[in-house]
C-alpha cells in the first residue's frame, strides 16, 4: 500500500469515526430572514474555500446556488433534499464562518411553510441532519486531500535530501577510487624511485673512485718516483 493510500485510509477512518460522535446541533442564528433555527456543524482543519467548493458539489443535483454578498450567506433556491416528501422545492440558506483552523457551517432549511427544527418538524430534522452530514464528508475529504498534499510534499523534500546525500556518497566513492589509483601510482613511483636511488648510489661510488684517482694524480705531479 502506497503512502498516499495509507494516509487516506487512516485519515478517512479517523474522520468517519469522529463524525459518528459528532452531530449537527440546532441553534437560533441571525440570517437574512431574521432570527431562525439553524443546523450548525464544525469541521476541524477546514477553511471557507473548502466549504464553498463542497457546498457547490452537494447542491449540484438541483436548484440554483448563489451567494448573497449583502447578507454574506449562500442561498440554494429550488432545492430538493433527498428523501424529503414535498411538492414544493425548499430554500436552503448557508452561513460559513472560518475560524482558526476550523470552519463552522450553519444551514437553514425553509420548506416554504416553516424553517425545519427538531421541535416543529422532527422527521425532517433527522433528514436534514443526514444531508448536513454529507456536506461534512465532502469538506472532510478536501481537508484530507490537502493533508495528503502536504505529507507528499514532505516526502518529496525528504526524497530530494536523500538523493543529495546519495549524490555526495557517490562523489566520495569516486574520490576514494581516484585516491586509491593515485596511491597505487605513487607506490609504483616510490618503487621506481628506490631503484633509481640504488643506481645513483652506485654511480656516486664509481664517481668517488674517479675523484680519488684524479686527486692522487694531482698529488703525484712533480714528485719523484721512489
N, C-alpha and C. Protein backbone atom coordinates (compact mmCIF):
# COMPACT_ATOMS: atom_id res chain seq x y z
N UNK A 1 0.85 -1.19 0.00
CA UNK A 1 0.00 0.00 0.00
C UNK A 1 0.88 1.24 0.00
N UNK A 2 0.61 2.17 -0.91
CA UNK A 2 1.41 3.38 -1.02
C UNK A 2 1.17 4.30 0.17
N UNK A 3 2.10 5.25 0.37
CA UNK A 3 1.94 6.21 1.47
C UNK A 3 0.65 7.01 1.30
N UNK A 4 0.34 7.37 0.06
CA UNK A 4 -0.88 8.15 -0.19
C UNK A 4 -2.11 7.37 0.26
N UNK A 5 -2.17 6.07 -0.08
CA UNK A 5 -3.33 5.26 0.30
C UNK A 5 -3.40 5.06 1.81
N UNK A 6 -2.23 4.92 2.45
CA UNK A 6 -2.22 4.76 3.91
C UNK A 6 -2.77 6.00 4.58
N UNK A 7 -2.31 7.17 4.12
CA UNK A 7 -2.77 8.43 4.72
C UNK A 7 -4.27 8.60 4.51
N UNK A 8 -4.74 8.31 3.29
CA UNK A 8 -6.17 8.44 3.00
C UNK A 8 -6.99 7.48 3.86
N UNK A 9 -6.52 6.24 3.98
CA UNK A 9 -7.26 5.24 4.74
C UNK A 9 -7.35 5.62 6.21
N UNK A 10 -6.20 5.96 6.81
CA UNK A 10 -6.17 6.27 8.23
C UNK A 10 -6.92 7.55 8.55
N UNK A 11 -6.76 8.59 7.70
CA UNK A 11 -7.41 9.86 7.98
C UNK A 11 -8.91 9.76 7.78
N UNK A 12 -9.33 9.07 6.72
CA UNK A 12 -10.77 8.89 6.50
C UNK A 12 -11.40 8.07 7.63
N UNK A 13 -10.66 7.08 8.12
CA UNK A 13 -11.16 6.29 9.24
C UNK A 13 -11.34 7.18 10.46
N UNK A 14 -10.39 8.05 10.70
CA UNK A 14 -10.47 8.97 11.83
C UNK A 14 -11.66 9.92 11.69
N UNK A 15 -11.81 10.48 10.50
CA UNK A 15 -12.89 11.44 10.28
C UNK A 15 -14.25 10.77 10.39
N UNK A 16 -14.34 9.56 9.83
CA UNK A 16 -15.61 8.84 9.89
C UNK A 16 -15.97 8.51 11.32
N UNK A 17 -14.99 8.03 12.08
CA UNK A 17 -15.24 7.69 13.48
C UNK A 17 -15.63 8.94 14.26
N UNK A 18 -14.92 10.05 13.97
CA UNK A 18 -15.23 11.30 14.67
C UNK A 18 -16.61 11.81 14.36
N UNK A 19 -17.06 11.61 13.14
CA UNK A 19 -18.35 12.14 12.75
C UNK A 19 -19.49 11.44 13.47
N UNK A 20 -19.37 10.12 13.67
CA UNK A 20 -20.45 9.39 14.33
C UNK A 20 -20.65 9.88 15.76
N UNK A 21 -19.62 10.47 16.33
CA UNK A 21 -19.75 11.03 17.67
C UNK A 21 -20.08 12.50 17.64
N UNK A 22 -20.21 13.05 16.45
CA UNK A 22 -20.48 14.47 16.30
C UNK A 22 -21.75 14.66 15.48
N UNK A 23 -22.64 15.46 15.97
CA UNK A 23 -23.93 15.68 15.32
C UNK A 23 -24.13 17.18 15.11
N UNK A 24 -24.77 17.51 13.99
CA UNK A 24 -25.13 18.92 13.78
C UNK A 24 -26.07 19.36 14.90
N UNK A 25 -25.78 20.50 15.48
CA UNK A 25 -26.60 20.96 16.60
C UNK A 25 -27.45 22.17 16.16
N UNK A 26 -28.62 22.28 16.75
CA UNK A 26 -29.54 23.36 16.39
C UNK A 26 -29.26 24.60 17.24
N UNK A 27 -29.42 25.74 16.60
CA UNK A 27 -29.28 26.99 17.35
C UNK A 27 -29.99 28.11 16.58
N UNK A 28 -30.57 29.02 17.32
CA UNK A 28 -31.18 30.20 16.71
C UNK A 28 -30.07 31.15 16.30
N UNK A 29 -30.07 31.52 15.03
CA UNK A 29 -28.97 32.33 14.49
C UNK A 29 -29.52 33.41 13.58
N UNK A 30 -28.99 34.63 13.67
CA UNK A 30 -29.41 35.69 12.75
C UNK A 30 -28.99 35.37 11.31
N UNK A 31 -29.91 35.54 10.36
CA UNK A 31 -29.60 35.37 8.95
C UNK A 31 -30.42 36.38 8.16
N UNK A 32 -30.46 36.27 6.84
CA UNK A 32 -31.10 37.29 6.01
C UNK A 32 -32.60 37.42 6.28
N UNK A 33 -33.23 36.38 6.80
CA UNK A 33 -34.67 36.41 7.07
C UNK A 33 -34.96 36.53 8.57
N UNK A 34 -34.01 37.06 9.30
CA UNK A 34 -34.21 37.26 10.74
C UNK A 34 -33.58 36.15 11.57
N UNK A 35 -34.02 36.04 12.80
CA UNK A 35 -33.50 35.03 13.71
C UNK A 35 -34.24 33.72 13.44
N UNK A 36 -33.51 32.73 12.94
CA UNK A 36 -34.15 31.46 12.55
C UNK A 36 -33.37 30.28 13.13
N UNK A 37 -34.07 29.14 13.15
CA UNK A 37 -33.43 27.91 13.63
C UNK A 37 -32.50 27.36 12.55
N UNK A 38 -31.25 27.11 12.94
CA UNK A 38 -30.27 26.58 12.00
C UNK A 38 -29.63 25.31 12.54
N UNK A 39 -29.02 24.57 11.63
CA UNK A 39 -28.28 23.36 11.99
C UNK A 39 -26.80 23.64 11.74
N UNK A 40 -26.03 23.60 12.82
CA UNK A 40 -24.63 24.03 12.76
C UNK A 40 -23.70 22.85 12.99
N UNK A 41 -22.56 22.91 12.31
CA UNK A 41 -21.56 21.86 12.49
C UNK A 41 -20.17 22.46 12.29
N UNK A 42 -19.19 21.93 13.01
CA UNK A 42 -17.80 22.40 12.90
C UNK A 42 -16.97 21.35 12.17
N UNK A 43 -16.10 21.82 11.30
CA UNK A 43 -15.19 20.92 10.58
C UNK A 43 -13.77 21.37 10.86
N UNK A 44 -13.04 20.58 11.63
CA UNK A 44 -11.67 20.93 12.02
C UNK A 44 -10.74 20.85 10.81
N UNK A 45 -9.86 21.85 10.72
CA UNK A 45 -8.86 21.87 9.65
C UNK A 45 -9.35 22.44 8.34
N UNK A 46 -10.63 22.78 8.27
CA UNK A 46 -11.21 23.28 7.01
C UNK A 46 -11.16 24.80 6.96
N UNK A 47 -11.26 25.32 5.74
CA UNK A 47 -11.36 26.77 5.55
C UNK A 47 -12.59 27.08 4.70
N UNK A 48 -12.84 28.36 4.49
CA UNK A 48 -14.06 28.76 3.78
C UNK A 48 -14.05 28.29 2.32
N UNK A 49 -12.90 28.32 1.69
CA UNK A 49 -12.83 27.88 0.30
C UNK A 49 -13.23 26.41 0.16
N UNK A 50 -12.78 25.59 1.10
CA UNK A 50 -13.16 24.18 1.09
C UNK A 50 -14.67 24.04 1.27
N UNK A 51 -15.22 24.84 2.20
CA UNK A 51 -16.66 24.78 2.45
C UNK A 51 -17.46 25.19 1.23
N UNK A 52 -17.02 26.23 0.54
CA UNK A 52 -17.73 26.71 -0.64
C UNK A 52 -17.67 25.69 -1.77
N UNK A 53 -16.50 25.09 -1.96
CA UNK A 53 -16.36 24.07 -3.01
C UNK A 53 -17.25 22.86 -2.70
N UNK A 54 -17.26 22.44 -1.43
CA UNK A 54 -18.08 21.30 -1.04
C UNK A 54 -19.56 21.62 -1.20
N UNK A 55 -19.94 22.86 -0.87
CA UNK A 55 -21.34 23.28 -0.99
C UNK A 55 -21.79 23.21 -2.45
N UNK A 56 -20.94 23.64 -3.36
CA UNK A 56 -21.27 23.56 -4.78
C UNK A 56 -21.46 22.11 -5.23
N UNK A 57 -20.70 21.22 -4.63
CA UNK A 57 -20.82 19.81 -5.00
C UNK A 57 -22.13 19.20 -4.52
N UNK A 58 -22.46 19.43 -3.25
CA UNK A 58 -23.65 18.78 -2.68
C UNK A 58 -24.94 19.45 -3.14
N UNK A 59 -24.84 20.67 -3.69
CA UNK A 59 -26.05 21.38 -4.16
C UNK A 59 -26.21 21.29 -5.68
N UNK A 60 -25.34 20.52 -6.32
CA UNK A 60 -25.35 20.49 -7.79
C UNK A 60 -26.52 19.70 -8.36
N UNK A 61 -27.17 18.89 -7.52
CA UNK A 61 -28.22 17.99 -8.04
C UNK A 61 -29.51 18.71 -8.41
N UNK A 62 -29.74 19.89 -7.85
CA UNK A 62 -30.99 20.59 -8.15
C UNK A 62 -30.86 22.07 -7.83
N UNK A 63 -31.83 22.85 -8.32
CA UNK A 63 -31.93 24.26 -7.97
C UNK A 63 -30.77 25.12 -8.42
N UNK A 64 -30.69 26.26 -7.78
CA UNK A 64 -29.65 27.25 -8.11
C UNK A 64 -28.95 27.71 -6.84
N UNK A 65 -27.65 27.67 -6.87
CA UNK A 65 -26.86 28.11 -5.73
C UNK A 65 -26.23 29.45 -6.06
N UNK A 66 -26.44 30.44 -5.19
CA UNK A 66 -25.85 31.75 -5.41
C UNK A 66 -25.43 32.35 -4.07
N UNK A 67 -24.57 33.35 -4.16
CA UNK A 67 -24.05 33.98 -2.94
C UNK A 67 -24.66 35.37 -2.78
N UNK A 68 -25.22 35.63 -1.62
CA UNK A 68 -25.79 36.93 -1.29
C UNK A 68 -24.71 37.73 -0.56
N UNK A 69 -24.07 38.65 -1.29
CA UNK A 69 -22.96 39.42 -0.71
C UNK A 69 -23.41 40.27 0.47
N UNK A 70 -24.59 40.86 0.34
CA UNK A 70 -25.07 41.75 1.40
C UNK A 70 -25.28 40.98 2.71
N UNK A 71 -25.91 39.82 2.60
CA UNK A 71 -26.17 39.00 3.79
C UNK A 71 -24.98 38.11 4.15
N UNK A 72 -24.02 38.02 3.24
CA UNK A 72 -22.85 37.15 3.43
C UNK A 72 -23.27 35.71 3.69
N UNK A 73 -24.21 35.26 2.87
CA UNK A 73 -24.68 33.88 3.01
C UNK A 73 -24.93 33.28 1.63
N UNK A 74 -24.84 31.96 1.57
CA UNK A 74 -25.16 31.24 0.35
C UNK A 74 -26.64 30.88 0.37
N UNK A 75 -27.25 30.93 -0.81
CA UNK A 75 -28.67 30.61 -0.92
C UNK A 75 -28.88 29.56 -2.00
N UNK A 76 -29.42 28.44 -1.58
CA UNK A 76 -29.71 27.35 -2.52
C UNK A 76 -31.22 27.36 -2.75
N UNK A 77 -31.62 27.89 -3.88
CA UNK A 77 -33.04 28.06 -4.20
C UNK A 77 -33.55 26.90 -5.06
N UNK A 78 -34.85 26.59 -4.91
CA UNK A 78 -35.46 25.46 -5.63
C UNK A 78 -34.72 24.16 -5.31
N UNK A 79 -34.32 24.05 -4.06
CA UNK A 79 -33.54 22.89 -3.63
C UNK A 79 -34.42 21.68 -3.37
N UNK A 80 -33.89 20.53 -3.69
CA UNK A 80 -34.57 19.27 -3.41
C UNK A 80 -33.67 18.41 -2.54
N UNK A 81 -34.07 18.28 -1.28
CA UNK A 81 -33.31 17.48 -0.33
C UNK A 81 -33.67 16.00 -0.53
N UNK A 82 -32.71 15.13 -0.78
CA UNK A 82 -33.01 13.71 -0.96
C UNK A 82 -33.82 13.15 0.20
N UNK A 83 -34.94 12.49 -0.12
CA UNK A 83 -35.77 11.86 0.90
C UNK A 83 -36.89 12.74 1.41
N UNK A 84 -36.85 14.03 1.08
CA UNK A 84 -37.88 14.95 1.57
C UNK A 84 -39.12 14.84 0.69
N UNK A 85 -40.25 14.47 1.30
CA UNK A 85 -41.51 14.34 0.54
C UNK A 85 -42.23 15.68 0.57
N UNK A 86 -41.94 16.44 -0.47
CA UNK A 86 -42.54 17.77 -0.54
C UNK A 86 -42.75 18.12 -2.00
N UNK A 87 -43.93 18.65 -2.30
CA UNK A 87 -44.22 19.04 -3.68
C UNK A 87 -43.48 20.33 -4.05
N UNK A 88 -43.22 21.16 -3.07
CA UNK A 88 -42.56 22.44 -3.32
C UNK A 88 -41.08 22.34 -2.96
N UNK A 89 -40.22 22.82 -3.85
CA UNK A 89 -38.78 22.84 -3.53
C UNK A 89 -38.52 23.73 -2.32
N UNK A 90 -37.44 23.45 -1.64
CA UNK A 90 -37.06 24.22 -0.45
C UNK A 90 -36.10 25.35 -0.83
N UNK A 91 -35.89 26.20 0.13
CA UNK A 91 -34.82 27.19 0.06
C UNK A 91 -33.88 26.91 1.23
N UNK A 92 -32.62 26.79 0.92
CA UNK A 92 -31.63 26.48 1.96
C UNK A 92 -30.63 27.64 2.02
N UNK A 93 -30.43 28.14 3.22
CA UNK A 93 -29.51 29.27 3.43
C UNK A 93 -28.32 28.77 4.25
N UNK A 94 -27.13 29.22 3.87
CA UNK A 94 -25.91 28.68 4.50
C UNK A 94 -24.98 29.82 4.90
N UNK A 95 -24.55 29.77 6.15
CA UNK A 95 -23.54 30.70 6.66
C UNK A 95 -22.26 29.92 6.89
N UNK A 96 -21.16 30.40 6.32
CA UNK A 96 -19.85 29.77 6.52
C UNK A 96 -18.96 30.74 7.29
N UNK A 97 -18.50 30.29 8.42
CA UNK A 97 -17.67 31.15 9.29
C UNK A 97 -16.33 30.46 9.50
N UNK A 98 -15.29 31.04 8.91
CA UNK A 98 -13.95 30.47 9.06
C UNK A 98 -13.31 31.00 10.33
N UNK A 99 -12.89 30.08 11.18
CA UNK A 99 -12.20 30.42 12.41
C UNK A 99 -10.79 29.85 12.35
N UNK A 100 -10.05 29.92 13.42
CA UNK A 100 -8.68 29.42 13.42
C UNK A 100 -8.68 27.90 13.27
N UNK A 101 -8.18 27.44 12.11
CA UNK A 101 -8.08 26.02 11.81
C UNK A 101 -9.42 25.30 11.99
N UNK A 102 -10.51 25.99 11.67
CA UNK A 102 -11.83 25.40 11.85
C UNK A 102 -12.85 26.15 10.98
N UNK A 103 -13.82 25.41 10.47
CA UNK A 103 -14.90 26.02 9.69
C UNK A 103 -16.23 25.67 10.34
N UNK A 104 -17.01 26.69 10.64
CA UNK A 104 -18.36 26.46 11.16
C UNK A 104 -19.35 26.74 10.03
N UNK A 105 -20.24 25.78 9.81
CA UNK A 105 -21.27 25.91 8.78
C UNK A 105 -22.64 25.80 9.44
N UNK A 106 -23.50 26.77 9.16
CA UNK A 106 -24.86 26.76 9.71
C UNK A 106 -25.85 26.77 8.55
N UNK A 107 -26.78 25.82 8.58
CA UNK A 107 -27.76 25.65 7.50
C UNK A 107 -29.17 25.96 8.01
N UNK A 108 -29.92 26.67 7.20
CA UNK A 108 -31.32 26.98 7.50
C UNK A 108 -32.17 26.39 6.38
N UNK A 109 -33.08 25.51 6.74
CA UNK A 109 -33.90 24.81 5.75
C UNK A 109 -35.34 25.36 5.79
N UNK A 110 -35.70 26.07 4.74
CA UNK A 110 -37.02 26.69 4.65
C UNK A 110 -37.88 25.85 3.71
N UNK A 111 -38.89 25.19 4.26
CA UNK A 111 -39.76 24.33 3.44
C UNK A 111 -40.80 25.13 2.67
N UNK A 112 -40.87 26.38 2.94
CA UNK A 112 -41.92 27.22 2.36
C UNK A 112 -43.00 27.53 3.37
N UNK A 113 -43.17 26.63 4.34
CA UNK A 113 -44.14 26.83 5.41
C UNK A 113 -43.46 27.19 6.72
N UNK A 114 -42.27 26.66 6.92
CA UNK A 114 -41.56 26.89 8.17
C UNK A 114 -40.10 26.49 8.00
N UNK A 115 -39.29 26.95 8.95
CA UNK A 115 -37.90 26.51 9.00
C UNK A 115 -37.85 25.20 9.80
N UNK A 116 -37.11 24.24 9.29
CA UNK A 116 -37.03 22.92 9.92
C UNK A 116 -36.37 23.04 11.29
N UNK A 117 -36.98 22.34 12.26
CA UNK A 117 -36.40 22.24 13.60
C UNK A 117 -36.84 20.90 14.20
N UNK A 118 -36.10 20.44 15.18
CA UNK A 118 -36.45 19.17 15.83
C UNK A 118 -37.78 19.29 16.54
N UNK A 119 -38.08 20.45 17.06
CA UNK A 119 -39.33 20.64 17.81
C UNK A 119 -40.54 20.65 16.90
N UNK A 120 -40.45 21.36 15.78
CA UNK A 120 -41.60 21.53 14.90
C UNK A 120 -41.73 20.42 13.86
N UNK A 121 -40.59 20.01 13.30
CA UNK A 121 -40.61 19.00 12.23
C UNK A 121 -39.53 17.95 12.50
N UNK A 122 -39.79 17.07 13.47
CA UNK A 122 -38.76 16.10 13.88
C UNK A 122 -38.30 15.17 12.77
N UNK A 123 -39.23 14.71 11.91
CA UNK A 123 -38.84 13.79 10.83
C UNK A 123 -37.92 14.49 9.84
N UNK A 124 -38.28 15.72 9.47
CA UNK A 124 -37.44 16.47 8.55
C UNK A 124 -36.14 16.89 9.20
N UNK A 125 -36.18 17.07 10.51
CA UNK A 125 -34.96 17.43 11.23
C UNK A 125 -33.92 16.33 11.10
N UNK A 126 -34.33 15.10 11.26
CA UNK A 126 -33.40 13.97 11.10
C UNK A 126 -32.90 13.87 9.66
N UNK A 127 -33.77 14.19 8.73
CA UNK A 127 -33.40 14.13 7.31
C UNK A 127 -32.33 15.17 6.97
N UNK A 128 -32.53 16.38 7.45
CA UNK A 128 -31.56 17.43 7.11
C UNK A 128 -30.23 17.21 7.83
N UNK A 129 -30.30 16.57 8.98
CA UNK A 129 -29.04 16.24 9.67
C UNK A 129 -28.20 15.30 8.80
N UNK A 130 -28.86 14.36 8.15
CA UNK A 130 -28.15 13.45 7.26
C UNK A 130 -27.54 14.22 6.09
N UNK A 131 -28.27 15.18 5.59
CA UNK A 131 -27.75 15.98 4.48
C UNK A 131 -26.56 16.81 4.92
N UNK A 132 -26.64 17.38 6.13
CA UNK A 132 -25.51 18.13 6.68
C UNK A 132 -24.30 17.22 6.85
N UNK A 133 -24.58 15.97 7.20
CA UNK A 133 -23.50 15.00 7.36
C UNK A 133 -22.78 14.79 6.03
N UNK A 134 -23.54 14.73 4.94
CA UNK A 134 -22.93 14.57 3.61
C UNK A 134 -22.05 15.77 3.28
N UNK A 135 -22.50 16.95 3.67
CA UNK A 135 -21.68 18.15 3.48
C UNK A 135 -20.38 18.03 4.28
N UNK A 136 -20.53 17.56 5.52
CA UNK A 136 -19.37 17.37 6.38
C UNK A 136 -18.35 16.45 5.72
N UNK A 137 -18.84 15.34 5.16
CA UNK A 137 -17.95 14.40 4.49
C UNK A 137 -17.27 15.05 3.29
N UNK A 138 -18.02 15.83 2.53
CA UNK A 138 -17.46 16.48 1.35
C UNK A 138 -16.32 17.43 1.73
N UNK A 139 -16.53 18.20 2.80
CA UNK A 139 -15.48 19.11 3.27
C UNK A 139 -14.31 18.32 3.83
N UNK A 140 -14.61 17.28 4.59
CA UNK A 140 -13.56 16.48 5.22
C UNK A 140 -12.64 15.84 4.17
N UNK A 141 -13.24 15.41 3.07
CA UNK A 141 -12.41 14.84 2.00
C UNK A 141 -11.42 15.88 1.47
N UNK A 142 -11.86 17.11 1.41
CA UNK A 142 -10.97 18.18 0.94
C UNK A 142 -9.88 18.46 1.97
N UNK A 143 -10.23 18.39 3.25
CA UNK A 143 -9.23 18.57 4.31
C UNK A 143 -8.17 17.48 4.21
N UNK A 144 -8.65 16.25 4.04
CA UNK A 144 -7.73 15.12 3.96
C UNK A 144 -6.86 15.23 2.71
N UNK A 145 -7.48 15.61 1.59
CA UNK A 145 -6.72 15.75 0.34
C UNK A 145 -5.60 16.77 0.50
N UNK A 146 -5.88 17.85 1.23
CA UNK A 146 -4.86 18.87 1.47
C UNK A 146 -3.75 18.32 2.37
N UNK A 147 -4.15 17.52 3.37
CA UNK A 147 -3.17 16.90 4.25
C UNK A 147 -2.27 15.96 3.47
N UNK A 148 -2.88 15.20 2.53
CA UNK A 148 -2.09 14.28 1.71
C UNK A 148 -1.08 15.06 0.88
N UNK A 149 -1.51 16.18 0.30
CA UNK A 149 -0.59 17.01 -0.48
C UNK A 149 0.59 17.47 0.37
N UNK A 150 0.28 17.90 1.60
CA UNK A 150 1.33 18.39 2.49
C UNK A 150 2.29 17.27 2.86
N UNK A 151 1.73 16.09 3.16
CA UNK A 151 2.57 14.95 3.53
C UNK A 151 3.40 14.49 2.34
N UNK A 152 2.80 14.50 1.14
CA UNK A 152 3.55 14.12 -0.06
C UNK A 152 4.66 15.13 -0.35
N UNK A 153 4.38 16.41 -0.07
CA UNK A 153 5.41 17.43 -0.26
C UNK A 153 6.59 17.17 0.69
N UNK A 154 6.27 16.82 1.93
CA UNK A 154 7.32 16.49 2.90
C UNK A 154 8.11 15.27 2.42
N UNK A 155 7.37 14.28 1.87
CA UNK A 155 8.03 13.07 1.36
C UNK A 155 8.95 13.41 0.20
N UNK A 156 8.48 14.28 -0.69
CA UNK A 156 9.29 14.69 -1.83
C UNK A 156 10.55 15.42 -1.36
N UNK A 157 10.39 16.28 -0.35
CA UNK A 157 11.55 17.01 0.18
C UNK A 157 12.56 16.04 0.80
N UNK A 158 12.04 15.06 1.56
CA UNK A 158 12.94 14.07 2.17
C UNK A 158 13.63 13.23 1.10
N UNK A 159 12.87 12.89 0.04
CA UNK A 159 13.45 12.10 -1.06
C UNK A 159 14.56 12.89 -1.75
N UNK A 160 14.33 14.20 -1.95
CA UNK A 160 15.36 15.04 -2.57
C UNK A 160 16.60 15.12 -1.68
N UNK A 161 16.37 15.22 -0.36
CA UNK A 161 17.50 15.28 0.57
C UNK A 161 18.29 13.98 0.52
N UNK A 162 17.56 12.85 0.43
CA UNK A 162 18.23 11.54 0.34
C UNK A 162 19.03 11.46 -0.96
N UNK A 163 18.45 11.93 -2.05
CA UNK A 163 19.14 11.91 -3.34
C UNK A 163 20.43 12.74 -3.27
N UNK A 164 20.36 13.88 -2.57
CA UNK A 164 21.56 14.70 -2.41
C UNK A 164 22.62 13.95 -1.61
N UNK A 165 22.19 13.29 -0.54
CA UNK A 165 23.13 12.51 0.27
C UNK A 165 23.74 11.38 -0.55
N UNK A 166 22.90 10.72 -1.36
CA UNK A 166 23.39 9.64 -2.20
C UNK A 166 24.39 10.18 -3.22
N UNK A 167 24.09 11.38 -3.76
CA UNK A 167 24.99 12.01 -4.71
C UNK A 167 26.34 12.32 -4.08
N UNK A 168 26.30 12.82 -2.83
CA UNK A 168 27.55 13.11 -2.12
C UNK A 168 28.32 11.81 -1.86
N UNK A 169 27.58 10.78 -1.48
CA UNK A 169 28.23 9.48 -1.23
C UNK A 169 28.91 8.97 -2.48
N UNK A 170 28.22 9.09 -3.64
CA UNK A 170 28.80 8.65 -4.91
C UNK A 170 30.06 9.46 -5.23
N UNK A 171 30.01 10.77 -4.93
CA UNK A 171 31.19 11.61 -5.17
C UNK A 171 32.34 11.20 -4.26
N UNK A 172 32.00 10.92 -2.98
CA UNK A 172 33.03 10.44 -2.05
C UNK A 172 33.64 9.14 -2.56
N UNK A 173 32.80 8.25 -3.10
CA UNK A 173 33.28 6.97 -3.62
C UNK A 173 34.23 7.19 -4.79
N UNK A 174 33.86 8.15 -5.66
CA UNK A 174 34.74 8.46 -6.78
C UNK A 174 36.06 9.04 -6.29
N UNK A 175 35.97 9.89 -5.25
CA UNK A 175 37.19 10.46 -4.68
C UNK A 175 38.10 9.36 -4.13
N UNK A 176 37.45 8.37 -3.48
CA UNK A 176 38.22 7.25 -2.92
C UNK A 176 38.89 6.46 -4.04
N UNK A 177 38.13 6.22 -5.12
CA UNK A 177 38.68 5.47 -6.25
C UNK A 177 39.85 6.21 -6.87
N UNK A 178 39.68 7.55 -7.01
CA UNK A 178 40.77 8.35 -7.56
C UNK A 178 41.98 8.32 -6.63
N UNK A 179 41.70 8.42 -5.30
CA UNK A 179 42.78 8.41 -4.33
C UNK A 179 43.49 7.05 -4.31
N UNK A 180 42.70 5.97 -4.43
CA UNK A 180 43.27 4.62 -4.46
C UNK A 180 44.18 4.46 -5.67
N UNK A 181 43.70 4.95 -6.82
CA UNK A 181 44.51 4.89 -8.03
C UNK A 181 45.78 5.73 -7.88
N UNK A 182 45.62 6.90 -7.26
CA UNK A 182 46.78 7.77 -7.04
C UNK A 182 47.79 7.12 -6.10
N UNK A 183 47.27 6.44 -5.07
CA UNK A 183 48.15 5.75 -4.13
C UNK A 183 48.93 4.65 -4.85
N UNK A 184 48.22 3.88 -5.70
CA UNK A 184 48.88 2.82 -6.45
C UNK A 184 49.96 3.38 -7.37
N UNK A 185 49.64 4.49 -8.03
CA UNK A 185 50.62 5.14 -8.90
C UNK A 185 51.81 5.64 -8.09
N UNK A 186 51.51 6.20 -6.91
CA UNK A 186 52.59 6.71 -6.05
C UNK A 186 53.47 5.57 -5.55
N UNK A 187 52.83 4.42 -5.22
CA UNK A 187 53.61 3.26 -4.76
C UNK A 187 54.56 2.78 -5.85
N UNK A 188 54.06 2.75 -7.09
CA UNK A 188 54.93 2.36 -8.20
C UNK A 188 56.04 3.37 -8.39
N UNK A 189 55.69 4.65 -8.24
CA UNK A 189 56.70 5.70 -8.39
C UNK A 189 57.76 5.58 -7.30
N UNK A 190 57.32 5.22 -6.08
CA UNK A 190 58.28 5.04 -4.97
C UNK A 190 59.22 3.88 -5.27
N UNK A 191 58.67 2.78 -5.78
CA UNK A 191 59.49 1.61 -6.12
C UNK A 191 60.53 1.97 -7.18
N UNK A 192 60.06 2.72 -8.18
CA UNK A 192 60.98 3.15 -9.24
C UNK A 192 62.01 4.12 -8.68
N UNK A 193 61.58 5.00 -7.78
CA UNK A 193 62.48 5.95 -7.17
C UNK A 193 63.56 5.25 -6.36
N UNK A 194 63.17 4.21 -5.63
CA UNK A 194 64.15 3.45 -4.83
C UNK A 194 65.19 2.79 -5.73
N UNK A 195 64.74 2.26 -6.87
CA UNK A 195 65.68 1.64 -7.82
C UNK A 195 66.62 2.69 -8.38
N UNK A 196 66.02 3.87 -8.69
CA UNK A 196 66.86 4.95 -9.20
C UNK A 196 67.88 5.39 -8.16
N UNK A 197 67.47 5.39 -6.87
CA UNK A 197 68.40 5.77 -5.80
C UNK A 197 69.57 4.78 -5.72
N UNK A 198 69.25 3.47 -5.82
CA UNK A 198 70.31 2.46 -5.75
C UNK A 198 71.28 2.63 -6.92
N UNK A 199 70.68 2.86 -8.09
CA UNK A 199 71.52 3.07 -9.27
C UNK A 199 72.39 4.31 -9.11
N UNK A 200 71.81 5.34 -8.53
CA UNK A 200 72.54 6.60 -8.34
C UNK A 200 73.65 6.41 -7.30
N UNK A 201 73.38 5.61 -6.26
CA UNK A 201 74.41 5.33 -5.26
C UNK A 201 75.61 4.63 -5.89
N UNK A 202 75.31 3.71 -6.80
CA UNK A 202 76.41 3.01 -7.50
C UNK A 202 77.21 4.00 -8.32
N UNK A 203 76.47 4.90 -9.00
CA UNK A 203 77.16 5.91 -9.79
C UNK A 203 78.02 6.81 -8.91
N UNK A 204 77.50 7.16 -7.73
CA UNK A 204 78.25 8.01 -6.80
C UNK A 204 79.51 7.29 -6.33
N UNK A 205 79.39 6.01 -6.01
CA UNK A 205 80.55 5.23 -5.56
C UNK A 205 81.61 5.19 -6.65
N UNK A 206 81.16 4.92 -7.88
CA UNK A 206 82.12 4.89 -9.01
C UNK A 206 82.76 6.25 -9.20
N UNK A 207 81.93 7.29 -9.02
CA UNK A 207 82.47 8.63 -9.22
C UNK A 207 83.44 9.00 -8.11
N UNK A 208 83.16 8.53 -6.91
CA UNK A 208 84.10 8.77 -5.80
C UNK A 208 85.47 8.16 -6.11
N UNK A 209 85.43 7.00 -6.74
CA UNK A 209 86.69 6.33 -7.12
C UNK A 209 87.43 7.18 -8.15
N UNK A 210 86.65 7.70 -9.09
CA UNK A 210 87.27 8.53 -10.13
C UNK A 210 87.84 9.81 -9.52
N UNK A 211 87.10 10.40 -8.57
CA UNK A 211 87.60 11.61 -7.91
C UNK A 211 88.91 11.32 -7.18
N UNK A 212 88.96 10.20 -6.49
CA UNK A 212 90.17 9.83 -5.75
C UNK A 212 91.35 9.64 -6.70
N UNK A 213 91.06 9.01 -7.83
CA UNK A 213 92.12 8.82 -8.81
C UNK A 213 92.64 10.16 -9.31
N UNK A 214 91.70 11.07 -9.54
CA UNK A 214 92.11 12.39 -10.03
C UNK A 214 92.93 13.13 -8.98
N UNK A 215 92.52 13.03 -7.72
CA UNK A 215 93.26 13.69 -6.64
C UNK A 215 94.65 13.10 -6.52
N UNK A 216 94.71 11.77 -6.60
CA UNK A 216 96.00 11.10 -6.49
C UNK A 216 96.91 11.53 -7.65
N UNK A 217 96.30 11.65 -8.83
CA UNK A 217 97.06 12.06 -10.00
C UNK A 217 97.59 13.47 -9.81
N UNK A 218 96.70 14.31 -9.22
CA UNK A 218 97.10 15.70 -8.97
C UNK A 218 98.25 15.76 -7.97
N UNK A 219 98.12 14.98 -6.91
CA UNK A 219 99.15 15.00 -5.86
C UNK A 219 100.48 14.41 -6.30
N UNK A 220 100.44 13.58 -7.36
CA UNK A 220 101.65 12.93 -7.79
C UNK A 220 102.47 13.78 -8.74
N UNK A 221 101.90 14.85 -9.19
CA UNK A 221 102.64 15.71 -10.13
C UNK A 221 103.85 16.33 -9.43
N UNK A 222 105.09 16.22 -10.06
CA UNK A 222 106.32 16.82 -9.54
C UNK A 222 107.01 15.98 -8.51
N UNK A 223 106.42 14.87 -8.16
CA UNK A 223 107.04 14.02 -7.14
C UNK A 223 107.86 12.96 -7.86
N UNK A 224 109.08 12.69 -7.29
CA UNK A 224 109.91 11.65 -7.85
C UNK A 224 109.40 10.29 -7.43
N UNK A 225 109.56 9.39 -8.35
CA UNK A 225 109.13 8.03 -8.04
C UNK A 225 110.14 7.40 -7.12
N UNK A 226 109.71 6.74 -6.09
CA UNK A 226 110.64 6.10 -5.15
C UNK A 226 111.28 4.90 -5.82
